[in-house]
PDB file of N, CA and C in Angstrom:
ATOM      1  N   MET A   1    -184.989  19.497  10.059  1.00  0.00           N
ATOM      2  CA  MET A   1    -184.236  20.284   8.925  1.00  0.00           C
ATOM      3  C   MET A   1    -184.330  19.559   7.580  1.00  0.00           C
ATOM      4  N   GLU A   2    -184.723  20.218   6.645  1.00  0.00           N
ATOM      5  CA  GLU A   2    -184.974  19.702   5.275  1.00  0.00           C
ATOM      6  C   GLU A   2    -183.477  19.794   4.637  1.00  0.00           C
ATOM      7  N   ILE A   3    -183.220  18.588   4.045  1.00  0.00           N
ATOM      8  CA  ILE A   3    -181.829  18.570   3.283  1.00  0.00           C
ATOM      9  C   ILE A   3    -182.057  19.105   1.815  1.00  0.00           C
ATOM     10  N   ASN A   4    -181.541  20.288   1.508  1.00  0.00           N
ATOM     11  CA  ASN A   4    -181.499  20.842   0.127  1.00  0.00           C
ATOM     12  C   ASN A   4    -180.131  21.352  -0.112  1.00  0.00           C
ATOM     13  N   PHE A   5    -180.024  21.916  -1.210  1.00  0.00           N
ATOM     14  CA  PHE A   5    -178.740  22.589  -1.680  1.00  0.00           C
ATOM     15  C   PHE A   5    -178.037  23.463  -0.654  1.00  0.00           C
ATOM     16  N   GLU A   6    -178.871  24.348  -0.135  1.00  0.00           N
ATOM     17  CA  GLU A   6    -178.235  25.335   0.946  1.00  0.00           C
ATOM     18  C   GLU A   6    -177.843  24.611   2.199  1.00  0.00           C
ATOM     19  N   THR A   7    -178.592  23.564   2.477  1.00  0.00           N
ATOM     20  CA  THR A   7    -178.094  22.912   3.819  1.00  0.00           C
ATOM     21  C   THR A   7    -176.767  22.167   3.583  1.00  0.00           C
ATOM     22  N   ILE A   8    -176.640  21.509   2.349  1.00  0.00           N
ATOM     23  CA  ILE A   8    -175.502  20.742   2.074  1.00  0.00           C
ATOM     24  C   ILE A   8    -174.214  21.782   2.005  1.00  0.00           C
ATOM     25  N   ILE A   9    -174.492  22.923   1.365  1.00  0.00           N
ATOM     26  CA  ILE A   9    -173.334  23.896   1.337  1.00  0.00           C
ATOM     27  C   ILE A   9    -172.956  24.556   2.907  1.00  0.00           C
ATOM     28  N   TRP A  10    -174.045  24.628   3.621  1.00  0.00           N
ATOM     29  CA  TRP A  10    -173.895  25.009   4.993  1.00  0.00           C
ATOM     30  C   TRP A  10    -173.001  23.952   5.720  1.00  0.00           C
ATOM     31  N   PHE A  11    -173.325  22.677   5.536  1.00  0.00           N
ATOM     32  CA  PHE A  11    -172.557  21.626   6.309  1.00  0.00           C
ATOM     33  C   PHE A  11    -171.131  21.608   5.662  1.00  0.00           C
ATOM     34  N   VAL A  12    -170.849  21.969   4.436  1.00  0.00           N
ATOM     35  CA  VAL A  12    -169.408  21.989   3.963  1.00  0.00           C
ATOM     36  C   VAL A  12    -168.767  23.152   4.686  1.00  0.00           C
ATOM     37  N   PHE A  13    -169.359  24.334   4.864  1.00  0.00           N
ATOM     38  CA  PHE A  13    -168.707  25.361   5.499  1.00  0.00           C
ATOM     39  C   PHE A  13    -168.699  25.155   6.926  1.00  0.00           C
ATOM     40  N   LEU A  14    -169.543  24.454   7.648  1.00  0.00           N
ATOM     41  CA  LEU A  14    -169.340  24.114   9.032  1.00  0.00           C
ATOM     42  C   LEU A  14    -168.279  23.051   9.147  1.00  0.00           C
ATOM     43  N   LEU A  15    -167.954  22.275   8.335  1.00  0.00           N
ATOM     44  CA  LEU A  15    -166.833  21.288   8.457  1.00  0.00           C
ATOM     45  C   LEU A  15    -165.534  22.083   8.290  1.00  0.00           C
ATOM     46  N   ASP A  16    -165.552  23.058   7.322  1.00  0.00           N
ATOM     47  CA  ASP A  16    -164.341  23.893   7.087  1.00  0.00           C
ATOM     48  C   ASP A  16    -164.080  24.682   8.322  1.00  0.00           C
ATOM     49  N   ALA A  17    -165.061  25.371   8.907  1.00  0.00           N
ATOM     50  CA  ALA A  17    -164.930  26.152  10.030  1.00  0.00           C
ATOM     51  C   ALA A  17    -164.441  25.425  11.275  1.00  0.00           C
ATOM     52  N   THR A  18    -164.909  24.202  11.472  1.00  0.00           N
ATOM     53  CA  THR A  18    -164.621  23.421  12.624  1.00  0.00           C
ATOM     54  C   THR A  18    -163.115  22.904  12.422  1.00  0.00           C
ATOM     55  N   ALA A  19    -162.700  22.569  11.213  1.00  0.00           N
ATOM     56  CA  ALA A  19    -161.383  22.179  10.832  1.00  0.00           C
ATOM     57  C   ALA A  19    -160.408  23.283  11.094  1.00  0.00           C
ATOM     58  N   ASN A  20    -160.727  24.535  10.695  1.00  0.00           N
ATOM     59  CA  ASN A  20    -160.060  25.724  10.879  1.00  0.00           C
ATOM     60  C   ASN A  20    -159.812  25.925  12.419  1.00  0.00           C
ATOM     61  N   VAL A  21    -160.772  25.843  13.343  1.00  0.00           N
ATOM     62  CA  VAL A  21    -160.514  25.958  14.680  1.00  0.00           C
ATOM     63  C   VAL A  21    -159.587  24.947  15.102  1.00  0.00           C
ATOM     64  N   VAL A  22    -159.780  23.695  14.874  1.00  0.00           N
ATOM     65  CA  VAL A  22    -159.014  22.541  15.215  1.00  0.00           C
ATOM     66  C   VAL A  22    -157.402  22.916  14.887  1.00  0.00           C
ATOM     67  N   PHE A  23    -157.237  23.229  13.580  1.00  0.00           N
ATOM     68  CA  PHE A  23    -155.875  23.479  13.014  1.00  0.00           C
ATOM     69  C   PHE A  23    -155.198  24.599  13.688  1.00  0.00           C
ATOM     70  N   SER A  24    -155.955  25.563  14.093  1.00  0.00           N
ATOM     71  CA  SER A  24    -155.395  26.889  14.611  1.00  0.00           C
ATOM     72  C   SER A  24    -154.988  26.580  16.146  1.00  0.00           C
ATOM     73  N   ARG A  25    -155.665  25.523  16.675  1.00  0.00           N
ATOM     74  CA  ARG A  25    -155.233  25.139  18.081  1.00  0.00           C
ATOM     75  C   ARG A  25    -154.011  24.237  18.060  1.00  0.00           C
ATOM     76  N   SER A  26    -153.770  23.569  17.039  1.00  0.00           N
ATOM     77  CA  SER A  26    -152.665  22.499  16.960  1.00  0.00           C
ATOM     78  C   SER A  26    -151.425  23.213  16.732  1.00  0.00           C
ATOM     79  N   ASN A  27    -150.320  22.997  17.692  1.00  0.00           N
ATOM     80  CA  ASN A  27    -148.973  23.530  17.539  1.00  0.00           C
ATOM     81  C   ASN A  27    -148.378  22.846  16.425  1.00  0.00           C
ATOM     82  N   ARG A  28    -148.466  21.413  16.327  1.00  0.00           N
ATOM     83  CA  ARG A  28    -147.821  20.651  15.282  1.00  0.00           C
ATOM     84  C   ARG A  28    -148.104  21.208  13.899  1.00  0.00           C
ATOM     85  N   PHE A  29    -149.584  21.405  13.768  1.00  0.00           N
ATOM     86  CA  PHE A  29    -149.992  21.968  12.366  1.00  0.00           C
ATOM     87  C   PHE A  29    -149.397  23.364  12.076  1.00  0.00           C
ATOM     88  N   ASN A  30    -149.271  24.149  13.191  1.00  0.00           N
ATOM     89  CA  ASN A  30    -148.785  25.424  12.947  1.00  0.00           C
ATOM     90  C   ASN A  30    -147.349  25.413  12.538  1.00  0.00           C
ATOM     91  N   VAL A  31    -146.627  24.614  13.139  1.00  0.00           N
ATOM     92  CA  VAL A  31    -145.178  24.592  12.849  1.00  0.00           C
ATOM     93  C   VAL A  31    -145.123  23.914  11.320  1.00  0.00           C
ATOM     94  N   TRP A  32    -145.823  22.902  11.016  1.00  0.00           N
ATOM     95  CA  TRP A  32    -145.779  22.376   9.648  1.00  0.00           C
ATOM     96  C   TRP A  32    -146.148  23.372   8.501  1.00  0.00           C
ATOM     97  N   TYR A  33    -147.214  24.165   9.013  1.00  0.00           N
ATOM     98  CA  TYR A  33    -147.755  25.142   8.003  1.00  0.00           C
ATOM     99  C   TYR A  33    -146.808  26.249   7.700  1.00  0.00           C
ATOM    100  N   LYS A  34    -146.103  26.771   8.831  1.00  0.00           N
ATOM    101  CA  LYS A  34    -145.189  27.759   8.581  1.00  0.00           C
ATOM    102  C   LYS A  34    -143.859  27.221   7.931  1.00  0.00           C
ATOM    103  N   LYS A  35    -143.516  26.080   8.125  1.00  0.00           N
ATOM    104  CA  LYS A  35    -142.324  25.431   7.497  1.00  0.00           C
ATOM    105  C   LYS A  35    -142.581  25.048   6.018  1.00  0.00           C
ATOM    106  N   SER A  36    -143.861  24.373   5.671  1.00  0.00           N
ATOM    107  CA  SER A  36    -144.071  24.088   4.377  1.00  0.00           C
ATOM    108  C   SER A  36    -144.536  25.192   3.449  1.00  0.00           C
ATOM    109  N   LEU A  37    -145.267  26.095   3.955  1.00  0.00           N
ATOM    110  CA  LEU A  37    -145.820  27.108   3.178  1.00  0.00           C
ATOM    111  C   LEU A  37    -145.505  28.497   3.765  1.00  0.00           C
ATOM    112  N   PRO A  38    -144.316  28.893   3.671  1.00  0.00           N
ATOM    113  CA  PRO A  38    -143.820  30.070   4.368  1.00  0.00           C
ATOM    114  C   PRO A  38    -144.535  31.449   3.768  1.00  0.00           C
ATOM    115  N   ARG A  39    -144.697  31.394   2.466  1.00  0.00           N
ATOM    116  CA  ARG A  39    -145.352  32.707   1.865  1.00  0.00           C
ATOM    117  C   ARG A  39    -146.785  32.770   2.289  1.00  0.00           C
ATOM    118  N   ALA A  40    -147.533  31.486   2.157  1.00  0.00           N
ATOM    119  CA  ALA A  40    -148.813  31.631   2.448  1.00  0.00           C
ATOM    120  C   ALA A  40    -149.137  31.709   3.953  1.00  0.00           C
ATOM    121  N   SER A  41    -148.277  31.288   4.897  1.00  0.00           N
ATOM    122  CA  SER A  41    -148.400  31.562   6.276  1.00  0.00           C
ATOM    123  C   SER A  41    -148.224  33.013   6.629  1.00  0.00           C
ATOM    124  N   VAL A  42    -147.516  33.852   5.978  1.00  0.00           N
ATOM    125  CA  VAL A  42    -147.440  35.152   6.223  1.00  0.00           C
ATOM    126  C   VAL A  42    -148.664  35.916   5.672  1.00  0.00           C
ATOM    127  N   GLN A  43    -149.189  35.595   4.668  1.00  0.00           N
ATOM    128  CA  GLN A  43    -150.305  36.259   3.931  1.00  0.00           C
ATOM    129  C   GLN A  43    -151.696  35.837   4.738  1.00  0.00           C
ATOM    130  N   PHE A  44    -151.721  34.527   5.161  1.00  0.00           N
ATOM    131  CA  PHE A  44    -152.919  33.917   5.716  1.00  0.00           C
ATOM    132  C   PHE A  44    -152.484  33.231   7.116  1.00  0.00           C
ATOM    133  N   PRO A  45    -152.238  33.853   8.095  1.00  0.00           N
ATOM    134  CA  PRO A  45    -151.878  33.270   9.258  1.00  0.00           C
ATOM    135  C   PRO A  45    -153.035  32.537  10.070  1.00  0.00           C
ATOM    136  N   LEU A  46    -152.756  31.443  10.727  1.00  0.00           N
ATOM    137  CA  LEU A  46    -153.889  30.805  11.415  1.00  0.00           C
ATOM    138  C   LEU A  46    -154.032  31.462  12.858  1.00  0.00           C
ATOM    139  N   ALA A  47    -155.147  32.171  13.004  1.00  0.00           N
ATOM    140  CA  ALA A  47    -155.410  32.820  14.230  1.00  0.00           C
ATOM    141  C   ALA A  47    -156.677  32.316  14.838  1.00  0.00           C
ATOM    142  N   LEU A  48    -156.592  31.982  16.140  1.00  0.00           N
ATOM    143  CA  LEU A  48    -157.772  31.430  16.763  1.00  0.00           C
ATOM    144  C   LEU A  48    -158.972  32.483  16.795  1.00  0.00           C
ATOM    145  N   GLY A  49    -158.714  33.697  17.039  1.00  0.00           N
ATOM    146  CA  GLY A  49    -159.869  34.651  17.132  1.00  0.00           C
ATOM    147  C   GLY A  49    -160.492  34.714  15.713  1.00  0.00           C
ATOM    148  N   TRP A  50    -159.836  34.720  14.673  1.00  0.00           N
ATOM    149  CA  TRP A  50    -160.629  34.819  13.444  1.00  0.00           C
ATOM    150  C   TRP A  50    -161.282  33.438  13.170  1.00  0.00           C
ATOM    151  N   SER A  51    -160.732  32.389  13.557  1.00  0.00           N
ATOM    152  CA  SER A  51    -161.276  30.978  13.396  1.00  0.00           C
ATOM    153  C   SER A  51    -162.681  30.928  14.133  1.00  0.00           C
ATOM    154  N   LEU A  52    -162.640  31.434  15.405  1.00  0.00           N
ATOM    155  CA  LEU A  52    -163.899  31.396  16.305  1.00  0.00           C
ATOM    156  C   LEU A  52    -164.964  32.357  15.660  1.00  0.00           C
ATOM    157  N   LEU A  53    -164.475  33.500  15.048  1.00  0.00           N
ATOM    158  CA  LEU A  53    -165.446  34.392  14.445  1.00  0.00           C
ATOM    159  C   LEU A  53    -166.138  33.693  13.240  1.00  0.00           C
ATOM    160  N   TYR A  54    -165.336  33.031  12.477  1.00  0.00           N
ATOM    161  CA  TYR A  54    -165.737  32.324  11.224  1.00  0.00           C
ATOM    162  C   TYR A  54    -166.751  31.241  11.656  1.00  0.00           C
ATOM    163  N   LEU A  55    -166.449  30.511  12.713  1.00  0.00           N
ATOM    164  CA  LEU A  55    -167.253  29.467  13.220  1.00  0.00           C
ATOM    165  C   LEU A  55    -168.516  29.921  13.688  1.00  0.00           C
ATOM    166  N   GLY A  56    -168.620  31.095  14.400  1.00  0.00           N
ATOM    167  CA  GLY A  56    -169.718  31.791  14.910  1.00  0.00           C
ATOM    168  C   GLY A  56    -170.656  32.288  13.904  1.00  0.00           C
ATOM    169  N   MET A  57    -170.121  32.721  12.783  1.00  0.00           N
ATOM    170  CA  MET A  57    -170.822  33.354  11.621  1.00  0.00           C
ATOM    171  C   MET A  57    -171.587  32.122  10.952  1.00  0.00           C
ATOM    172  N   VAL A  58    -170.739  31.052  10.869  1.00  0.00           N
ATOM    173  CA  VAL A  58    -171.355  29.956  10.069  1.00  0.00           C
ATOM    174  C   VAL A  58    -172.431  29.259  10.863  1.00  0.00           C
ATOM    175  N   ILE A  59    -172.381  29.207  12.181  1.00  0.00           N
ATOM    176  CA  ILE A  59    -173.401  28.689  13.099  1.00  0.00           C
ATOM    177  C   ILE A  59    -174.580  29.734  12.988  1.00  0.00           C
ATOM    178  N   TRP A  60    -174.315  30.991  12.908  1.00  0.00           N
ATOM    179  CA  TRP A  60    -175.451  32.006  12.746  1.00  0.00           C
ATOM    180  C   TRP A  60    -176.144  31.798  11.416  1.00  0.00           C
ATOM    181  N   VAL A  61    -175.446  31.632  10.370  1.00  0.00           N
ATOM    182  CA  VAL A  61    -176.269  31.302   9.027  1.00  0.00           C
ATOM    183  C   VAL A  61    -176.956  29.965   9.093  1.00  0.00           C
ATOM    184  N   GLY A  62    -176.461  29.063   9.906  1.00  0.00           N
ATOM    185  CA  GLY A  62    -177.191  27.884  10.004  1.00  0.00           C
ATOM    186  C   GLY A  62    -178.541  28.005  10.798  1.00  0.00           C
ATOM    187  N   VAL A  63    -178.442  28.762  11.695  1.00  0.00           N
ATOM    188  CA  VAL A  63    -179.617  29.109  12.468  1.00  0.00           C
ATOM    189  C   VAL A  63    -180.688  29.824  11.601  1.00  0.00           C
ATOM    190  N   LEU A  64    -180.151  30.806  10.729  1.00  0.00           N
ATOM    191  CA  LEU A  64    -181.071  31.421   9.818  1.00  0.00           C
ATOM    192  C   LEU A  64    -181.689  30.586   8.815  1.00  0.00           C
ATOM    193  N   ILE A  65    -180.880  29.577   8.313  1.00  0.00           N
ATOM    194  CA  ILE A  65    -181.325  28.717   7.359  1.00  0.00           C
ATOM    195  C   ILE A  65    -182.496  27.868   7.973  1.00  0.00           C
ATOM    196  N   TYR A  66    -182.262  27.439   9.240  1.00  0.00           N
ATOM    197  CA  TYR A  66    -183.233  26.526   9.994  1.00  0.00           C
ATOM    198  C   TYR A  66    -184.560  27.364  10.136  1.00  0.00           C
ATOM    199  N   ARG A  67    -184.452  28.619  10.660  1.00  0.00           N
ATOM    200  CA  ARG A  67    -185.576  29.451  10.860  1.00  0.00           C
ATOM    201  C   ARG A  67    -186.440  29.669   9.565  1.00  0.00           C
ATOM    202  N   LEU A  68    -185.642  29.881   8.407  1.00  0.00           N
ATOM    203  CA  LEU A  68    -186.327  30.178   7.218  1.00  0.00           C
ATOM    204  C   LEU A  68    -187.098  28.892   6.645  1.00  0.00           C
ATOM    205  N   GLN A  69    -186.483  27.724   6.986  1.00  0.00           N
ATOM    206  CA  GLN A  69    -187.238  26.505   6.507  1.00  0.00           C
ATOM    207  C   GLN A  69    -188.421  26.206   7.375  1.00  0.00           C
ATOM    208  N   SER A  70    -188.342  26.522   8.652  1.00  0.00           N
ATOM    209  CA  SER A  70    -189.484  26.334   9.585  1.00  0.00           C
ATOM    210  C   SER A  70    -190.762  27.177   9.248  1.00  0.00           C
ATOM    211  N   ASN A  71    -190.559  28.357   8.639  1.00  0.00           N
ATOM    212  CA  ASN A  71    -191.674  29.204   8.271  1.00  0.00           C
ATOM    213  C   ASN A  71    -192.507  28.605   7.049  1.00  0.00           C
TER     214      ASN A  71
END
């Protein structure tokens, strides 16, 4: 895989999606999130389903970038 701007941006999104899944699975983080940011936690709840969908879409885009670079 060639490292270029798109690849770097994809790695940033992959890190974000992975952290999102880890944080949505953590009970301590969920308690802290709801206690520290009550208004944001109502508008943007941490849900495992959406986190896994986000991770799947990021991986899919990574596969597309890889296939595009191999042609």
